[in-house]
């Protein structure tokens, strides 16, 4: 079954944005790639920013919903170390399980996210923030609850590193295979997810030692108080 004009426009927009960024791609470029006219784009979306917003909504809402569901389950765990591991899995697993292009993930969409984040367009940045910041803050609070007294800077930086490792594992798994001489399959998503969770667990867990150091300012609890 052929995709509708609207679906075709959305799919081609993701492809073009992932290759060239948001700034360099015009509505005319998207229309041409879709075999449509600019009027079709303005009819369905109104503007390039609205088009991008719909792309993010359809890709991120299923993934964020699953993350929130798993996070609620993780927060019921009483042991802090076990809870930290479960919180990390709640963040990581949906990104891999939703790896098909139409179900909240996909390498092309992930590549687009990375390109647009680096590009710094104000419209795109606002859309990205709306799509992810609320869920990201919920996870940072969960990490803080697992590591009482953890410094805010450590929590935020480690959360950023976690996101970066997810980006790269999703968009360039072939590099793992190449660097290992074929001994490691970079496309083994379960292995990749487990490796990210284990490495991130050690990274976050190290904050417990920092939390015990005297005169360490800026814990997450202090910021929220």
N, C-alpha and C. Protein backbone atom coordinates (compact mmCIF):
# COMPACT_ATOMS: atom_id res chain seq x y z
N UNK A 1 0.84 -1.19 0.00
CA UNK A 1 0.00 0.00 0.00
C UNK A 1 0.88 1.25 0.00
N UNK A 2 0.62 2.13 -0.95
CA UNK A 2 1.42 3.34 -1.06
C UNK A 2 1.10 4.29 0.08
N UNK A 3 2.14 4.97 0.63
CA UNK A 3 1.87 5.93 1.70
C UNK A 3 1.08 7.12 1.16
N UNK A 4 0.32 7.76 2.03
CA UNK A 4 -0.42 8.95 1.65
C UNK A 4 0.55 10.09 1.38
N UNK A 5 0.04 11.15 0.76
CA UNK A 5 0.90 12.31 0.49
C UNK A 5 1.49 12.84 1.80
N UNK A 6 0.67 12.90 2.84
CA UNK A 6 1.12 13.40 4.14
C UNK A 6 2.26 12.53 4.68
N UNK A 7 2.07 11.21 4.63
CA UNK A 7 3.10 10.29 5.13
C UNK A 7 4.38 10.41 4.31
N UNK A 8 4.21 10.55 3.01
CA UNK A 8 5.36 10.67 2.13
C UNK A 8 6.16 11.93 2.43
N UNK A 9 5.46 13.02 2.69
CA UNK A 9 6.12 14.28 3.03
C UNK A 9 6.89 14.14 4.34
N UNK A 10 6.29 13.51 5.33
CA UNK A 10 6.95 13.32 6.62
C UNK A 10 8.20 12.45 6.48
N UNK A 11 8.08 11.35 5.74
CA UNK A 11 9.21 10.43 5.58
C UNK A 11 10.37 11.10 4.85
N UNK A 12 10.06 11.82 3.80
CA UNK A 12 11.13 12.48 3.03
C UNK A 12 11.74 13.64 3.80
N UNK A 13 10.96 14.29 4.63
CA UNK A 13 11.51 15.36 5.46
C UNK A 13 12.55 14.81 6.44
N UNK A 14 12.25 13.67 7.06
CA UNK A 14 13.22 13.05 7.97
C UNK A 14 14.51 12.71 7.23
N UNK A 15 14.37 12.13 6.05
CA UNK A 15 15.55 11.76 5.26
C UNK A 15 16.40 12.98 4.94
N UNK A 16 15.77 14.04 4.47
CA UNK A 16 16.52 15.24 4.09
C UNK A 16 17.12 15.95 5.30
N UNK A 17 16.36 16.06 6.38
CA UNK A 17 16.88 16.70 7.59
C UNK A 17 18.06 15.91 8.16
N UNK A 18 17.99 14.59 8.09
CA UNK A 18 19.08 13.76 8.64
C UNK A 18 20.35 13.90 7.81
N UNK A 19 20.21 14.23 6.53
CA UNK A 19 21.38 14.36 5.65
C UNK A 19 21.95 15.77 5.66
N UNK A 20 21.06 16.77 5.64
CA UNK A 20 21.52 18.14 5.40
C UNK A 20 21.21 19.12 6.53
N UNK A 21 20.48 18.67 7.54
CA UNK A 21 20.10 19.57 8.62
C UNK A 21 18.82 20.31 8.33
N UNK A 22 18.35 21.03 9.31
CA UNK A 22 17.09 21.76 9.21
C UNK A 22 17.24 23.04 8.39
N UNK A 23 18.33 23.76 8.62
CA UNK A 23 18.50 25.07 7.99
C UNK A 23 18.61 24.98 6.47
N UNK A 24 19.31 23.96 5.99
CA UNK A 24 19.62 23.89 4.56
C UNK A 24 18.49 23.32 3.72
N UNK A 25 17.50 22.70 4.36
CA UNK A 25 16.42 22.04 3.62
C UNK A 25 15.21 22.96 3.55
N UNK A 26 14.73 23.20 2.35
CA UNK A 26 13.56 24.07 2.16
C UNK A 26 12.30 23.23 1.97
N UNK A 27 11.16 23.89 2.09
CA UNK A 27 9.90 23.21 1.79
C UNK A 27 9.88 22.72 0.35
N UNK A 28 10.49 23.48 -0.53
CA UNK A 28 10.54 23.07 -1.93
C UNK A 28 11.35 21.78 -2.09
N UNK A 29 12.46 21.66 -1.35
CA UNK A 29 13.26 20.43 -1.40
C UNK A 29 12.44 19.22 -0.97
N UNK A 30 11.69 19.38 0.11
CA UNK A 30 10.88 18.27 0.63
C UNK A 30 9.78 17.91 -0.36
N UNK A 31 9.14 18.93 -0.92
CA UNK A 31 8.08 18.69 -1.89
C UNK A 31 8.61 17.96 -3.12
N UNK A 32 9.77 18.40 -3.60
CA UNK A 32 10.36 17.77 -4.78
C UNK A 32 10.69 16.31 -4.52
N UNK A 33 11.29 16.01 -3.37
CA UNK A 33 11.64 14.63 -3.03
C UNK A 33 10.41 13.75 -2.88
N UNK A 34 9.27 14.37 -2.58
CA UNK A 34 8.03 13.63 -2.35
C UNK A 34 7.15 13.56 -3.59
N UNK A 35 7.60 14.21 -4.68
CA UNK A 35 6.77 14.24 -5.88
C UNK A 35 5.50 15.04 -5.68
N UNK A 36 5.59 16.08 -4.84
CA UNK A 36 4.43 16.91 -4.53
C UNK A 36 4.79 18.37 -4.78
N UNK A 37 3.85 19.25 -4.50
CA UNK A 37 4.15 20.67 -4.63
C UNK A 37 4.16 21.32 -3.25
N UNK A 38 4.72 22.53 -3.19
CA UNK A 38 4.84 23.23 -1.91
C UNK A 38 3.48 23.46 -1.29
N UNK A 39 2.47 23.64 -2.12
CA UNK A 39 1.12 23.85 -1.60
C UNK A 39 0.64 22.68 -0.75
N UNK A 40 1.05 21.47 -1.10
CA UNK A 40 0.68 20.30 -0.31
C UNK A 40 1.27 20.38 1.10
N UNK A 41 2.51 20.85 1.17
CA UNK A 41 3.16 20.99 2.47
C UNK A 41 2.47 22.03 3.34
N UNK A 42 2.20 23.18 2.76
CA UNK A 42 1.55 24.23 3.54
C UNK A 42 0.13 23.84 3.92
N UNK A 43 -0.53 23.06 3.08
CA UNK A 43 -1.88 22.60 3.39
C UNK A 43 -1.87 21.65 4.58
N UNK A 44 -0.93 20.71 4.58
CA UNK A 44 -0.91 19.69 5.62
C UNK A 44 -0.25 20.17 6.92
N UNK A 45 0.75 21.05 6.81
CA UNK A 45 1.54 21.40 8.00
C UNK A 45 1.61 22.90 8.28
N UNK A 46 1.41 23.72 7.30
CA UNK A 46 1.44 25.16 7.52
C UNK A 46 2.82 25.77 7.41
N UNK A 47 3.81 25.14 8.01
CA UNK A 47 5.17 25.68 8.01
C UNK A 47 6.17 24.55 8.21
N UNK A 48 7.44 24.86 7.97
CA UNK A 48 8.49 23.86 8.17
C UNK A 48 8.61 23.50 9.65
N UNK A 49 8.44 24.49 10.53
CA UNK A 49 8.51 24.22 11.96
C UNK A 49 7.40 23.28 12.41
N UNK A 50 6.19 23.48 11.90
CA UNK A 50 5.08 22.59 12.25
C UNK A 50 5.31 21.17 11.74
N UNK A 51 5.92 21.08 10.56
CA UNK A 51 6.27 19.77 10.00
C UNK A 51 7.25 19.06 10.92
N UNK A 52 8.28 19.78 11.35
CA UNK A 52 9.27 19.17 12.24
C UNK A 52 8.64 18.77 13.58
N UNK A 53 7.74 19.60 14.07
CA UNK A 53 7.08 19.28 15.34
C UNK A 53 6.29 17.98 15.23
N UNK A 54 5.60 17.78 14.12
CA UNK A 54 4.84 16.54 13.95
C UNK A 54 5.77 15.34 13.83
N UNK A 55 6.90 15.51 13.17
CA UNK A 55 7.88 14.42 13.08
C UNK A 55 8.30 14.00 14.49
N UNK A 56 8.64 14.97 15.32
CA UNK A 56 9.08 14.65 16.68
C UNK A 56 7.97 14.02 17.50
N UNK A 57 6.76 14.54 17.36
CA UNK A 57 5.65 14.00 18.14
C UNK A 57 5.40 12.53 17.82
N UNK A 58 5.37 12.21 16.55
CA UNK A 58 5.04 10.83 16.18
C UNK A 58 6.16 9.86 16.50
N UNK A 59 7.40 10.35 16.53
CA UNK A 59 8.52 9.47 16.85
C UNK A 59 8.76 9.36 18.35
N UNK A 60 8.57 10.46 19.07
CA UNK A 60 8.98 10.46 20.48
C UNK A 60 7.86 10.10 21.45
N UNK A 61 6.62 10.36 21.11
CA UNK A 61 5.55 10.09 22.06
C UNK A 61 5.45 8.62 22.46
N UNK A 62 5.52 7.67 21.51
CA UNK A 62 5.48 6.25 21.94
C UNK A 62 6.68 5.87 22.81
N UNK A 63 7.86 6.37 22.45
CA UNK A 63 9.06 6.04 23.22
C UNK A 63 9.01 6.66 24.61
N UNK A 64 8.59 7.93 24.70
CA UNK A 64 8.50 8.57 26.01
C UNK A 64 7.45 7.91 26.89
N UNK A 65 6.34 7.50 26.29
CA UNK A 65 5.29 6.83 27.07
C UNK A 65 5.80 5.52 27.66
N UNK A 66 6.54 4.76 26.86
CA UNK A 66 7.10 3.50 27.34
C UNK A 66 8.15 3.76 28.41
N UNK A 67 8.97 4.78 28.23
CA UNK A 67 9.97 5.12 29.24
C UNK A 67 9.30 5.47 30.57
N UNK A 68 8.24 6.25 30.51
CA UNK A 68 7.53 6.65 31.74
C UNK A 68 6.92 5.43 32.43
N UNK A 69 6.37 4.53 31.64
CA UNK A 69 5.77 3.32 32.20
C UNK A 69 6.81 2.48 32.93
N UNK A 70 7.95 2.26 32.28
CA UNK A 70 9.02 1.48 32.90
C UNK A 70 9.63 2.22 34.09
N UNK A 71 9.68 3.55 34.01
CA UNK A 71 10.22 4.33 35.13
C UNK A 71 9.34 4.17 36.37
N UNK A 72 8.03 4.22 36.18
CA UNK A 72 7.12 4.04 37.32
C UNK A 72 7.35 2.68 37.99
N UNK A 73 7.56 1.66 37.17
CA UNK A 73 7.84 0.33 37.73
C UNK A 73 9.17 0.32 38.48
N UNK A 74 10.17 0.98 37.90
CA UNK A 74 11.50 0.99 38.52
C UNK A 74 11.49 1.70 39.87
N UNK A 75 10.70 2.76 39.98
CA UNK A 75 10.69 3.54 41.21
C UNK A 75 10.06 2.80 42.38
N UNK A 76 9.40 1.69 42.10
CA UNK A 76 8.82 0.88 43.18
C UNK A 76 9.87 0.00 43.87
N UNK A 77 11.04 -0.11 43.28
CA UNK A 77 12.10 -0.97 43.84
C UNK A 77 12.74 -0.27 45.03
N UNK A 78 12.83 -0.94 46.15
CA UNK A 78 13.32 -0.30 47.37
C UNK A 78 14.85 -0.21 47.40
N UNK A 79 15.54 -1.25 46.97
CA UNK A 79 17.00 -1.23 46.97
C UNK A 79 17.51 -0.21 45.95
N UNK A 80 18.33 0.73 46.40
CA UNK A 80 18.74 1.83 45.53
C UNK A 80 19.59 1.37 44.35
N UNK A 81 20.48 0.42 44.57
CA UNK A 81 21.32 -0.05 43.47
C UNK A 81 20.49 -0.77 42.41
N UNK A 82 19.58 -1.62 42.86
CA UNK A 82 18.70 -2.31 41.92
C UNK A 82 17.79 -1.32 41.20
N UNK A 83 17.35 -0.31 41.94
CA UNK A 83 16.49 0.71 41.33
C UNK A 83 17.25 1.49 40.27
N UNK A 84 18.51 1.84 40.55
CA UNK A 84 19.32 2.57 39.57
C UNK A 84 19.45 1.76 38.29
N UNK A 85 19.72 0.48 38.40
CA UNK A 85 19.83 -0.37 37.22
C UNK A 85 18.50 -0.40 36.45
N UNK A 86 17.40 -0.49 37.18
CA UNK A 86 16.08 -0.53 36.53
C UNK A 86 15.74 0.80 35.87
N UNK A 87 16.13 1.91 36.49
CA UNK A 87 15.88 3.23 35.90
C UNK A 87 16.67 3.37 34.60
N UNK A 88 17.91 2.92 34.60
CA UNK A 88 18.72 2.97 33.38
C UNK A 88 18.09 2.12 32.28
N UNK A 89 17.63 0.94 32.63
CA UNK A 89 16.97 0.09 31.62
C UNK A 89 15.70 0.75 31.11
N UNK A 90 14.99 1.43 31.99
CA UNK A 90 13.76 2.12 31.57
C UNK A 90 14.05 3.19 30.54
N UNK A 91 15.22 3.81 30.63
CA UNK A 91 15.60 4.83 29.67
C UNK A 91 16.13 4.23 28.37
N UNK A 92 16.96 3.20 28.50
CA UNK A 92 17.68 2.67 27.34
C UNK A 92 16.83 1.75 26.47
N UNK A 93 16.12 0.82 27.09
CA UNK A 93 15.46 -0.24 26.32
C UNK A 93 14.45 0.28 25.30
N UNK A 94 13.59 1.26 25.63
CA UNK A 94 12.63 1.72 24.62
C UNK A 94 13.28 2.29 23.37
N UNK A 95 14.47 2.86 23.50
CA UNK A 95 15.15 3.41 22.33
C UNK A 95 15.54 2.31 21.35
N UNK A 96 15.87 1.13 21.88
CA UNK A 96 16.22 0.00 21.01
C UNK A 96 14.98 -0.76 20.56
N UNK A 97 14.03 -0.94 21.46
CA UNK A 97 12.82 -1.68 21.10
C UNK A 97 11.98 -0.90 20.11
N UNK A 98 12.11 0.43 20.12
CA UNK A 98 11.39 1.28 19.17
C UNK A 98 12.32 1.69 18.04
N UNK A 99 13.08 0.75 17.54
CA UNK A 99 14.12 1.10 16.57
C UNK A 99 13.63 1.12 15.13
N UNK A 100 12.38 0.71 14.89
CA UNK A 100 11.86 0.82 13.53
C UNK A 100 11.47 2.26 13.26
N UNK A 101 11.61 2.68 12.01
CA UNK A 101 11.43 4.09 11.67
C UNK A 101 10.05 4.61 12.00
N UNK A 102 9.05 3.75 12.02
CA UNK A 102 7.69 4.22 12.26
C UNK A 102 7.20 4.02 13.67
N UNK A 103 8.09 3.64 14.60
CA UNK A 103 7.64 3.30 15.94
C UNK A 103 8.46 3.99 17.01
N UNK A 104 8.77 5.24 16.77
CA UNK A 104 9.42 6.02 17.81
C UNK A 104 10.93 6.03 17.78
N UNK A 105 11.54 5.40 16.79
CA UNK A 105 12.99 5.38 16.76
C UNK A 105 13.50 5.32 15.35
N UNK A 106 14.46 4.46 15.11
CA UNK A 106 15.04 4.32 13.79
C UNK A 106 16.33 5.10 13.67
N UNK A 107 17.29 4.52 12.96
CA UNK A 107 18.59 5.15 12.81
C UNK A 107 18.48 6.50 12.11
N UNK A 108 17.60 6.59 11.12
CA UNK A 108 17.49 7.84 10.37
C UNK A 108 16.97 8.97 11.25
N UNK A 109 15.93 8.68 12.03
CA UNK A 109 15.40 9.70 12.94
C UNK A 109 16.44 10.06 14.00
N UNK A 110 17.14 9.07 14.53
CA UNK A 110 18.16 9.33 15.53
C UNK A 110 19.28 10.18 14.96
N UNK A 111 19.66 9.90 13.71
CA UNK A 111 20.68 10.71 13.04
C UNK A 111 20.17 12.15 12.87
N UNK A 112 18.90 12.29 12.51
CA UNK A 112 18.32 13.62 12.37
C UNK A 112 18.38 14.37 13.70
N UNK A 113 18.05 13.69 14.79
CA UNK A 113 18.11 14.30 16.11
C UNK A 113 19.51 14.83 16.40
N UNK A 114 20.52 14.03 16.10
CA UNK A 114 21.90 14.43 16.37
C UNK A 114 22.29 15.63 15.53
N UNK A 115 21.93 15.62 14.26
CA UNK A 115 22.27 16.73 13.35
C UNK A 115 21.58 18.01 13.80
N UNK A 116 20.31 17.94 14.11
CA UNK A 116 19.56 19.13 14.49
C UNK A 116 19.99 19.67 15.85
N UNK A 117 20.36 18.78 16.76
CA UNK A 117 20.84 19.23 18.07
C UNK A 117 22.13 20.04 17.92
N UNK A 118 23.00 19.59 17.01
CA UNK A 118 24.27 20.28 16.80
C UNK A 118 24.10 21.57 16.02
N UNK A 119 23.06 21.62 15.20
CA UNK A 119 22.86 22.77 14.30
C UNK A 119 22.46 24.03 15.06
N UNK A 120 21.63 23.88 16.08
CA UNK A 120 21.30 25.01 16.94
C UNK A 120 20.23 25.95 16.42
N UNK A 121 19.42 25.53 15.45
CA UNK A 121 18.33 26.39 14.99
C UNK A 121 17.33 26.61 16.13
N UNK A 122 16.93 27.86 16.40
CA UNK A 122 16.03 28.13 17.54
C UNK A 122 14.70 27.39 17.46
N UNK A 123 14.09 27.32 16.28
CA UNK A 123 12.82 26.60 16.14
C UNK A 123 13.01 25.12 16.46
N UNK A 124 14.06 24.55 15.89
CA UNK A 124 14.33 23.12 16.11
C UNK A 124 14.66 22.85 17.58
N UNK A 125 15.44 23.74 18.19
CA UNK A 125 15.81 23.55 19.59
C UNK A 125 14.59 23.57 20.50
N UNK A 126 13.65 24.47 20.21
CA UNK A 126 12.43 24.55 21.01
C UNK A 126 11.60 23.27 20.87
N UNK A 127 11.54 22.74 19.66
CA UNK A 127 10.78 21.50 19.42
C UNK A 127 11.44 20.32 20.11
N UNK A 128 12.77 20.26 20.05
CA UNK A 128 13.50 19.18 20.71
C UNK A 128 13.28 19.25 22.22
N UNK A 129 13.36 20.46 22.77
CA UNK A 129 13.16 20.62 24.22
C UNK A 129 11.76 20.18 24.63
N UNK A 130 10.77 20.57 23.84
CA UNK A 130 9.39 20.19 24.16
C UNK A 130 9.21 18.68 24.10
N UNK A 131 9.90 18.04 23.17
CA UNK A 131 9.75 16.60 22.98
C UNK A 131 10.43 15.78 24.07
N UNK A 132 11.55 16.28 24.62
CA UNK A 132 12.37 15.44 25.48
C UNK A 132 12.60 15.94 26.90
N UNK A 133 12.56 17.25 27.12
CA UNK A 133 13.05 17.76 28.40
C UNK A 133 12.25 17.28 29.61
N UNK A 134 10.94 17.21 29.48
CA UNK A 134 10.13 16.79 30.63
C UNK A 134 10.47 15.36 31.06
N UNK A 135 10.58 14.47 30.08
CA UNK A 135 10.94 13.09 30.40
C UNK A 135 12.38 13.00 30.91
N UNK A 136 13.28 13.77 30.31
CA UNK A 136 14.67 13.76 30.77
C UNK A 136 14.79 14.23 32.21
N UNK A 137 14.03 15.27 32.57
CA UNK A 137 14.06 15.76 33.94
C UNK A 137 13.53 14.71 34.92
N UNK A 138 12.51 13.97 34.49
CA UNK A 138 11.97 12.90 35.35
C UNK A 138 13.04 11.84 35.62
N UNK A 139 13.84 11.53 34.61
CA UNK A 139 14.90 10.54 34.81
C UNK A 139 16.03 11.10 35.67
N UNK A 140 16.37 12.36 35.50
CA UNK A 140 17.41 12.95 36.35
C UNK A 140 16.97 12.93 37.81
N UNK A 141 15.69 13.23 38.07
CA UNK A 141 15.18 13.14 39.44
C UNK A 141 15.26 11.71 39.97
N UNK A 142 14.96 10.75 39.09
CA UNK A 142 15.03 9.35 39.50
C UNK A 142 16.47 8.94 39.82
N UNK A 143 17.42 9.39 39.00
CA UNK A 143 18.83 9.11 39.29
C UNK A 143 19.23 9.71 40.63
N UNK A 144 18.78 10.94 40.88
CA UNK A 144 19.10 11.61 42.14
C UNK A 144 18.55 10.85 43.33
N UNK A 145 17.35 10.31 43.19
CA UNK A 145 16.75 9.55 44.29
C UNK A 145 17.50 8.25 44.56
N UNK A 146 18.14 7.72 43.52
CA UNK A 146 18.94 6.49 43.70
C UNK A 146 20.28 6.78 44.36
N UNK A 147 20.74 8.04 44.26
CA UNK A 147 22.07 8.41 44.77
C UNK A 147 21.91 9.67 45.60
N UNK A 148 21.44 9.56 46.83
CA UNK A 148 21.21 10.75 47.67
C UNK A 148 22.45 11.62 47.79
N UNK A 149 22.27 12.92 47.62
CA UNK A 149 23.38 13.85 47.74
C UNK A 149 24.24 13.97 46.51
N UNK A 150 23.89 13.26 45.44
CA UNK A 150 24.70 13.33 44.21
C UNK A 150 24.73 14.76 43.68
N UNK A 151 25.89 15.24 43.25
CA UNK A 151 25.98 16.61 42.73
C UNK A 151 25.22 16.76 41.42
N UNK A 152 24.56 17.88 41.28
CA UNK A 152 23.75 18.13 40.09
C UNK A 152 24.58 18.06 38.81
N UNK A 153 25.79 18.64 38.84
CA UNK A 153 26.59 18.63 37.61
C UNK A 153 26.91 17.20 37.18
N UNK A 154 27.21 16.33 38.14
CA UNK A 154 27.49 14.94 37.80
C UNK A 154 26.30 14.22 37.22
N UNK A 155 25.12 14.47 37.79
CA UNK A 155 23.90 13.84 37.28
C UNK A 155 23.60 14.28 35.85
N UNK A 156 23.72 15.57 35.60
CA UNK A 156 23.38 16.10 34.27
C UNK A 156 24.39 15.63 33.23
N UNK A 157 25.69 15.69 33.57
CA UNK A 157 26.70 15.26 32.61
C UNK A 157 26.57 13.77 32.29
N UNK A 158 26.34 12.97 33.30
CA UNK A 158 26.20 11.54 33.05
C UNK A 158 24.94 11.23 32.26
N UNK A 159 23.90 11.99 32.48
CA UNK A 159 22.69 11.84 31.67
C UNK A 159 22.97 12.18 30.21
N UNK A 160 23.79 13.21 30.00
CA UNK A 160 24.16 13.60 28.64
C UNK A 160 25.03 12.53 27.99
N UNK A 161 25.95 11.94 28.74
CA UNK A 161 26.79 10.86 28.20
C UNK A 161 25.93 9.64 27.86
N UNK A 162 24.93 9.37 28.69
CA UNK A 162 24.02 8.26 28.42
C UNK A 162 23.31 8.47 27.09
N UNK A 163 22.81 9.68 26.87
CA UNK A 163 22.15 10.00 25.61
C UNK A 163 23.11 9.86 24.44
N UNK A 164 24.34 10.35 24.60
CA UNK A 164 25.32 10.27 23.52
C UNK A 164 25.65 8.83 23.15
N UNK A 165 25.79 7.97 24.14
CA UNK A 165 26.09 6.57 23.84
C UNK A 165 24.92 5.91 23.12
N UNK A 166 23.70 6.29 23.48
CA UNK A 166 22.52 5.77 22.77
C UNK A 166 22.52 6.22 21.32
N UNK A 167 22.76 7.52 21.11
CA UNK A 167 22.84 8.05 19.74
C UNK A 167 23.77 7.19 18.89
N UNK A 168 25.00 7.04 19.38
CA UNK A 168 26.03 6.42 18.55
C UNK A 168 25.77 4.94 18.34
N UNK A 169 25.25 4.27 19.36
CA UNK A 169 24.95 2.84 19.21
C UNK A 169 23.86 2.61 18.17
N UNK A 170 22.93 3.55 18.07
CA UNK A 170 21.82 3.40 17.13
C UNK A 170 22.20 3.79 15.70
N UNK A 171 23.03 4.82 15.55
CA UNK A 171 23.27 5.31 14.19
C UNK A 171 24.52 4.73 13.55
N UNK A 172 25.42 4.13 14.34
CA UNK A 172 26.66 3.63 13.74
C UNK A 172 27.11 2.31 14.37
N UNK A 173 26.23 1.30 14.38
CA UNK A 173 26.61 0.01 14.98
C UNK A 173 27.72 -0.70 14.22
N UNK A 174 27.84 -0.38 12.93
CA UNK A 174 28.85 -1.06 12.10
C UNK A 174 30.27 -0.79 12.60
N UNK A 175 30.48 0.35 13.26
CA UNK A 175 31.83 0.68 13.73
C UNK A 175 32.28 -0.30 14.81
N UNK A 176 31.35 -0.74 15.66
CA UNK A 176 31.69 -1.72 16.68
C UNK A 176 32.15 -3.02 16.03
N UNK A 177 31.42 -3.43 15.01
CA UNK A 177 31.79 -4.65 14.28
C UNK A 177 33.16 -4.51 13.63
N UNK A 178 33.39 -3.34 13.03
CA UNK A 178 34.65 -3.12 12.32
C UNK A 178 35.83 -3.07 13.29
N UNK A 179 35.69 -2.32 14.38
CA UNK A 179 36.80 -2.17 15.32
C UNK A 179 37.14 -3.49 16.02
N UNK A 180 36.15 -4.35 16.16
CA UNK A 180 36.40 -5.65 16.81
C UNK A 180 36.85 -6.71 15.83
N UNK A 181 37.01 -6.33 14.56
CA UNK A 181 37.39 -7.31 13.55
C UNK A 181 36.34 -8.37 13.34
N UNK A 182 35.09 -8.00 13.61
CA UNK A 182 33.99 -8.93 13.42
C UNK A 182 33.69 -9.80 14.62
N UNK A 183 34.49 -9.66 15.69
CA UNK A 183 34.26 -10.49 16.88
C UNK A 183 33.02 -10.05 17.65
N UNK A 184 32.66 -8.77 17.51
CA UNK A 184 31.48 -8.23 18.19
C UNK A 184 30.49 -7.75 17.14
N UNK A 185 29.25 -8.12 17.29
CA UNK A 185 28.21 -7.71 16.35
C UNK A 185 27.58 -6.41 16.83
N UNK A 186 27.92 -5.32 16.18
CA UNK A 186 27.37 -4.03 16.57
C UNK A 186 25.88 -3.92 16.38
N UNK A 187 25.30 -4.80 15.58
CA UNK A 187 23.85 -4.78 15.35
C UNK A 187 23.08 -5.63 16.36
N UNK A 188 23.78 -6.23 17.31
CA UNK A 188 23.12 -6.97 18.39
C UNK A 188 22.59 -5.95 19.40
N UNK A 189 21.33 -5.58 19.24
CA UNK A 189 20.78 -4.48 20.04
C UNK A 189 20.68 -4.84 21.52
N UNK A 190 20.40 -6.09 21.83
CA UNK A 190 20.33 -6.49 23.23
C UNK A 190 21.68 -6.34 23.90
N UNK A 191 22.74 -6.77 23.20
CA UNK A 191 24.09 -6.63 23.74
C UNK A 191 24.46 -5.16 23.89
N UNK A 192 24.10 -4.34 22.90
CA UNK A 192 24.40 -2.91 22.97
C UNK A 192 23.68 -2.26 24.15
N UNK A 193 22.40 -2.58 24.32
CA UNK A 193 21.63 -2.01 25.42
C UNK A 193 22.23 -2.42 26.76
N UNK A 194 22.58 -3.70 26.90
CA UNK A 194 23.17 -4.18 28.15
C UNK A 194 24.50 -3.47 28.45
N UNK A 195 25.31 -3.28 27.41
CA UNK A 195 26.61 -2.63 27.59
C UNK A 195 26.43 -1.18 28.04
N UNK A 196 25.47 -0.48 27.43
CA UNK A 196 25.22 0.92 27.81
C UNK A 196 24.73 1.00 29.25
N UNK A 197 23.81 0.12 29.61
CA UNK A 197 23.26 0.12 30.98
C UNK A 197 24.37 -0.16 32.00
N UNK A 198 25.20 -1.16 31.73
CA UNK A 198 26.26 -1.53 32.67
C UNK A 198 27.29 -0.41 32.82
N UNK A 199 27.70 0.19 31.71
CA UNK A 199 28.68 1.27 31.77
C UNK A 199 28.09 2.49 32.48
N UNK A 200 26.84 2.81 32.18
CA UNK A 200 26.20 3.97 32.80
C UNK A 200 25.96 3.73 34.29
N UNK A 201 25.65 2.50 34.66
CA UNK A 201 25.47 2.18 36.08
C UNK A 201 26.74 2.49 36.86
N UNK A 202 27.87 2.05 36.34
CA UNK A 202 29.14 2.32 37.02
C UNK A 202 29.41 3.82 37.09
N UNK A 203 29.09 4.52 36.01
CA UNK A 203 29.32 5.96 35.96
C UNK A 203 28.46 6.69 36.99
N UNK A 204 27.17 6.39 37.02
CA UNK A 204 26.29 7.04 37.99
C UNK A 204 26.63 6.62 39.42
N UNK A 205 26.96 5.35 39.58
CA UNK A 205 27.24 4.84 40.93
C UNK A 205 28.43 5.54 41.54
N UNK A 206 29.37 5.98 40.72
CA UNK A 206 30.55 6.67 41.25
C UNK A 206 30.19 7.99 41.92
N UNK A 207 29.01 8.51 41.62
CA UNK A 207 28.58 9.77 42.23
C UNK A 207 28.32 9.61 43.72
N UNK A 208 28.08 8.40 44.18
CA UNK A 208 27.83 8.20 45.61
C UNK A 208 29.07 8.54 46.42
N UNK A 209 30.26 8.28 45.85
CA UNK A 209 31.50 8.65 46.54
C UNK A 209 31.67 10.16 46.54
N UNK A 210 31.33 10.81 45.41
CA UNK A 210 31.42 12.26 45.34
C UNK A 210 30.47 12.91 46.33
N UNK A 211 29.30 12.30 46.54
CA UNK A 211 28.30 12.87 47.43
C UNK A 211 28.80 12.91 48.87
N UNK A 212 29.75 12.03 49.21
CA UNK A 212 30.25 11.97 50.58
C UNK A 212 31.40 12.93 50.81
N UNK A 213 31.90 13.57 49.74
CA UNK A 213 33.00 14.51 49.90
C UNK A 213 32.50 15.80 50.55
N UNK A 214 33.26 16.40 51.45
CA UNK A 214 32.82 17.64 52.10
C UNK A 214 32.83 18.81 51.13
N UNK A 215 31.96 19.78 51.40
CA UNK A 215 31.90 21.04 50.66
C UNK A 215 31.65 20.83 49.19
N UNK A 216 30.85 19.83 48.87
CA UNK A 216 30.45 19.62 47.47
C UNK A 216 29.12 20.31 47.26
N UNK A 217 29.10 21.38 46.51
CA UNK A 217 27.88 22.18 46.37
C UNK A 217 27.07 21.70 45.18
N UNK A 218 25.78 22.07 45.20
CA UNK A 218 24.94 21.88 44.02
C UNK A 218 24.36 20.51 43.86
N UNK A 219 23.95 19.84 44.94
CA UNK A 219 23.26 18.57 44.78
C UNK A 219 21.90 18.80 44.18
N UNK A 220 21.34 17.74 43.59
CA UNK A 220 20.04 17.90 42.93
C UNK A 220 18.97 18.27 43.94
N UNK A 221 19.05 17.69 45.17
CA UNK A 221 18.05 18.04 46.18
C UNK A 221 18.11 19.52 46.51
N UNK A 222 19.33 20.06 46.58
CA UNK A 222 19.48 21.47 46.88
C UNK A 222 18.88 22.35 45.80
N UNK A 223 19.00 21.92 44.55
CA UNK A 223 18.44 22.70 43.46
C UNK A 223 16.93 22.71 43.49
N UNK A 224 16.34 21.61 43.97
CA UNK A 224 14.89 21.52 43.97
C UNK A 224 14.28 22.21 45.18
N UNK A 225 15.07 22.40 46.24
CA UNK A 225 14.52 22.94 47.49
C UNK A 225 14.14 24.40 47.34
